[in-house]
């Protein structure tokens, strides 16, 4: 332990492992590379502030992008999801004018 560390309380090795772990899945139109999965996990760990582990699933109906499902919540970055959001927005706008 260095002189700088003497005044700090350092986490025990078990405390590092005890951090919350969220499990989920990433759905894509084609298999993801190991590097792409790693970037997605890192993004969600930063977003959610805890460890994340994701299984991978392929849904060939997705044209582009990915959908990530964690703790019952979906983060849809797929092209299909974006088009659905645009359709909902335009439909809502049309209904408000009636």
C-alpha atoms as a PDB file:
ATOM      1  CA  UNK A   1       0.000   0.000   0.000  1.00  0.00           C
ATOM      2  CA  UNK A   2       1.411   3.374  -0.984  1.00  0.00           C
ATOM      3  CA  UNK A   3       1.438   6.466   1.193  1.00  0.00           C
ATOM      4  CA  UNK A   4      -1.397   7.936  -0.912  1.00  0.00           C
ATOM      5  CA  UNK A   5      -3.588   4.885  -0.268  1.00  0.00           C
ATOM      6  CA  UNK A   6      -3.022   4.938   3.492  1.00  0.00           C
ATOM      7  CA  UNK A   7      -5.890   7.393   4.122  1.00  0.00           C
ATOM      8  CA  UNK A   8      -8.385   5.732   1.795  1.00  0.00           C
ATOM      9  CA  UNK A   9     -10.533   2.725   2.444  1.00  0.00           C
ATOM     10  CA  UNK A  10      -9.924   0.336  -0.404  1.00  0.00           C
ATOM     11  CA  UNK A  11     -12.676  -2.045  -1.495  1.00  0.00           C
ATOM     12  CA  UNK A  12     -12.167  -5.687  -0.700  1.00  0.00           C
ATOM     13  CA  UNK A  13     -11.972  -8.063  -3.649  1.00  0.00           C
ATOM     14  CA  UNK A  14     -15.476  -9.357  -2.778  1.00  0.00           C
ATOM     15  CA  UNK A  15     -16.988  -5.853  -2.880  1.00  0.00           C
ATOM     16  CA  UNK A  16     -15.980  -5.523  -6.510  1.00  0.00           C
ATOM     17  CA  UNK A  17     -17.794  -8.760  -7.346  1.00  0.00           C
ATOM     18  CA  UNK A  18     -20.868  -7.811  -5.288  1.00  0.00           C
ATOM     19  CA  UNK A  19     -21.832  -4.924  -7.560  1.00  0.00           C
ATOM     20  CA  UNK A  20     -25.235  -5.299  -9.184  1.00  0.00           C
ATOM     21  CA  UNK A  21     -25.242  -7.504 -12.266  1.00  0.00           C
ATOM     22  CA  UNK A  22     -28.035  -7.056 -14.782  1.00  0.00           C
ATOM     23  CA  UNK A  23     -28.708  -9.750 -17.334  1.00  0.00           C
ATOM     24  CA  UNK A  24     -30.340  -9.138 -20.672  1.00  0.00           C
ATOM     25  CA  UNK A  25     -30.100  -9.836 -24.346  1.00  0.00           C
ATOM     26  CA  UNK A  26     -29.120  -8.041 -27.497  1.00  0.00           C
ATOM     27  CA  UNK A  27     -31.134  -8.790 -30.641  1.00  0.00           C
ATOM     28  CA  UNK A  28     -29.661  -8.050 -34.063  1.00  0.00           C
ATOM     29  CA  UNK A  29     -30.365  -8.881 -37.692  1.00  0.00           C
ATOM     30  CA  UNK A  30     -27.136 -10.819 -38.045  1.00  0.00           C
ATOM     31  CA  UNK A  31     -24.526 -12.197 -35.642  1.00  0.00           C
ATOM     32  CA  UNK A  32     -22.541  -9.476 -33.853  1.00  0.00           C
ATOM     33  CA  UNK A  33     -18.780  -9.484 -33.648  1.00  0.00           C
ATOM     34  CA  UNK A  34     -17.133  -9.854 -30.265  1.00  0.00           C
ATOM     35  CA  UNK A  35     -15.982  -6.209 -30.491  1.00  0.00           C
ATOM     36  CA  UNK A  36     -19.519  -4.958 -31.208  1.00  0.00           C
ATOM     37  CA  UNK A  37     -20.958  -6.909 -28.259  1.00  0.00           C
ATOM     38  CA  UNK A  38     -18.234  -5.527 -26.007  1.00  0.00           C
ATOM     39  CA  UNK A  39     -19.026  -1.923 -27.071  1.00  0.00           C
ATOM     40  CA  UNK A  40     -22.735  -2.486 -26.428  1.00  0.00           C
ATOM     41  CA  UNK A  41     -22.060  -3.940 -22.963  1.00  0.00           C
ATOM     42  CA  UNK A  42     -19.746  -1.028 -22.112  1.00  0.00           C
ATOM     43  CA  UNK A  43     -22.374   1.476 -23.258  1.00  0.00           C
ATOM     44  CA  UNK A  44     -25.077  -0.058 -21.058  1.00  0.00           C
ATOM     45  CA  UNK A  45     -22.753  -0.422 -18.077  1.00  0.00           C
ATOM     46  CA  UNK A  46     -22.034   3.311 -18.291  1.00  0.00           C
ATOM     47  CA  UNK A  47     -25.722   4.128 -18.837  1.00  0.00           C
ATOM     48  CA  UNK A  48     -27.030   1.971 -15.984  1.00  0.00           C
ATOM     49  CA  UNK A  49     -24.089   2.239 -13.584  1.00  0.00           C
ATOM     50  CA  UNK A  50     -23.691  -1.488 -12.970  1.00  0.00           C
ATOM     51  CA  UNK A  51     -22.295  -4.630 -14.554  1.00  0.00           C
ATOM     52  CA  UNK A  52     -24.225  -5.962 -17.539  1.00  0.00           C
ATOM     53  CA  UNK A  53     -24.089  -9.313 -19.256  1.00  0.00           C
ATOM     54  CA  UNK A  54     -25.953  -9.836 -22.525  1.00  0.00           C
ATOM     55  CA  UNK A  55     -26.810 -12.943 -24.468  1.00  0.00           C
ATOM     56  CA  UNK A  56     -27.041 -12.571 -28.250  1.00  0.00           C
ATOM     57  CA  UNK A  57     -29.999 -13.478 -30.434  1.00  0.00           C
ATOM     58  CA  UNK A  58     -30.488 -13.053 -34.183  1.00  0.00           C
ATOM     59  CA  UNK A  59     -33.823 -11.824 -35.593  1.00  0.00           C
ATOM     60  CA  UNK A  60     -33.537 -11.693 -39.371  1.00  0.00           C
ATOM     61  CA  UNK A  61     -36.544  -9.354 -39.590  1.00  0.00           C
ATOM     62  CA  UNK A  62     -34.368  -6.548 -38.185  1.00  0.00           C
ATOM     63  CA  UNK A  63     -32.893  -4.683 -41.133  1.00  0.00           C
ATOM     64  CA  UNK A  64     -30.325  -2.662 -39.230  1.00  0.00           C
ATOM     65  CA  UNK A  65     -29.413  -1.713 -35.672  1.00  0.00           C
ATOM     66  CA  UNK A  66     -29.987  -3.629 -32.460  1.00  0.00           C
ATOM     67  CA  UNK A  67     -32.571  -3.964 -29.721  1.00  0.00           C
ATOM     68  CA  UNK A  68     -31.334  -4.485 -26.157  1.00  0.00           C
ATOM     69  CA  UNK A  69     -33.626  -5.873 -23.472  1.00  0.00           C
ATOM     70  CA  UNK A  70     -32.584  -5.530 -19.820  1.00  0.00           C
ATOM     71  CA  UNK A  71     -34.782  -5.894 -16.729  1.00  0.00           C
ATOM     72  CA  UNK A  72     -37.994  -5.915 -18.748  1.00  0.00           C
ATOM     73  CA  UNK A  73     -37.087  -2.693 -20.546  1.00  0.00           C
ATOM     74  CA  UNK A  74     -36.327  -2.524 -24.272  1.00  0.00           C
ATOM     75  CA  UNK A  75     -33.825  -0.077 -25.776  1.00  0.00           C
ATOM     76  CA  UNK A  76     -34.728  -0.199 -29.457  1.00  0.00           C
ATOM     77  CA  UNK A  77     -32.092   1.159 -31.803  1.00  0.00           C
ATOM     78  CA  UNK A  78     -33.247  -0.959 -34.723  1.00  0.00           C
ATOM     79  CA  UNK A  79     -34.417   0.566 -37.985  1.00  0.00           C
ATOM     80  CA  UNK A  80     -37.781  -1.147 -37.527  1.00  0.00           C
ATOM     81  CA  UNK A  81     -38.131   0.414 -34.056  1.00  0.00           C
ATOM     82  CA  UNK A  82     -37.244   3.865 -35.349  1.00  0.00           C
ATOM     83  CA  UNK A  83     -39.775   3.584 -38.194  1.00  0.00           C
ATOM     84  CA  UNK A  84     -42.435   2.461 -35.702  1.00  0.00           C
ATOM     85  CA  UNK A  85     -41.705   5.522 -33.547  1.00  0.00           C
ATOM     86  CA  UNK A  86     -42.016   7.829 -36.565  1.00  0.00           C
ATOM     87  CA  UNK A  87     -45.324   6.219 -37.529  1.00  0.00           C
ATOM     88  CA  UNK A  88     -46.653   6.645 -33.966  1.00  0.00           C
ATOM     89  CA  UNK A  89     -45.525  10.266 -33.887  1.00  0.00           C
ATOM     90  CA  UNK A  90     -47.183  11.075 -37.248  1.00  0.00           C
ATOM     91  CA  UNK A  91     -50.373   9.238 -36.315  1.00  0.00           C
ATOM     92  CA  UNK A  92     -50.592  11.068 -32.988  1.00  0.00           C
ATOM     93  CA  UNK A  93     -50.053  14.396 -34.750  1.00  0.00           C
ATOM     94  CA  UNK A  94     -52.853  13.626 -37.244  1.00  0.00           C
ATOM     95  CA  UNK A  95     -55.240  12.597 -34.438  1.00  0.00           C
ATOM     96  CA  UNK A  96     -54.576  15.821 -32.505  1.00  0.00           C
ATOM     97  CA  UNK A  97     -55.702  17.918 -35.473  1.00  0.00           C
ATOM     98  CA  UNK A  98     -59.113  16.173 -35.682  1.00  0.00           C
END
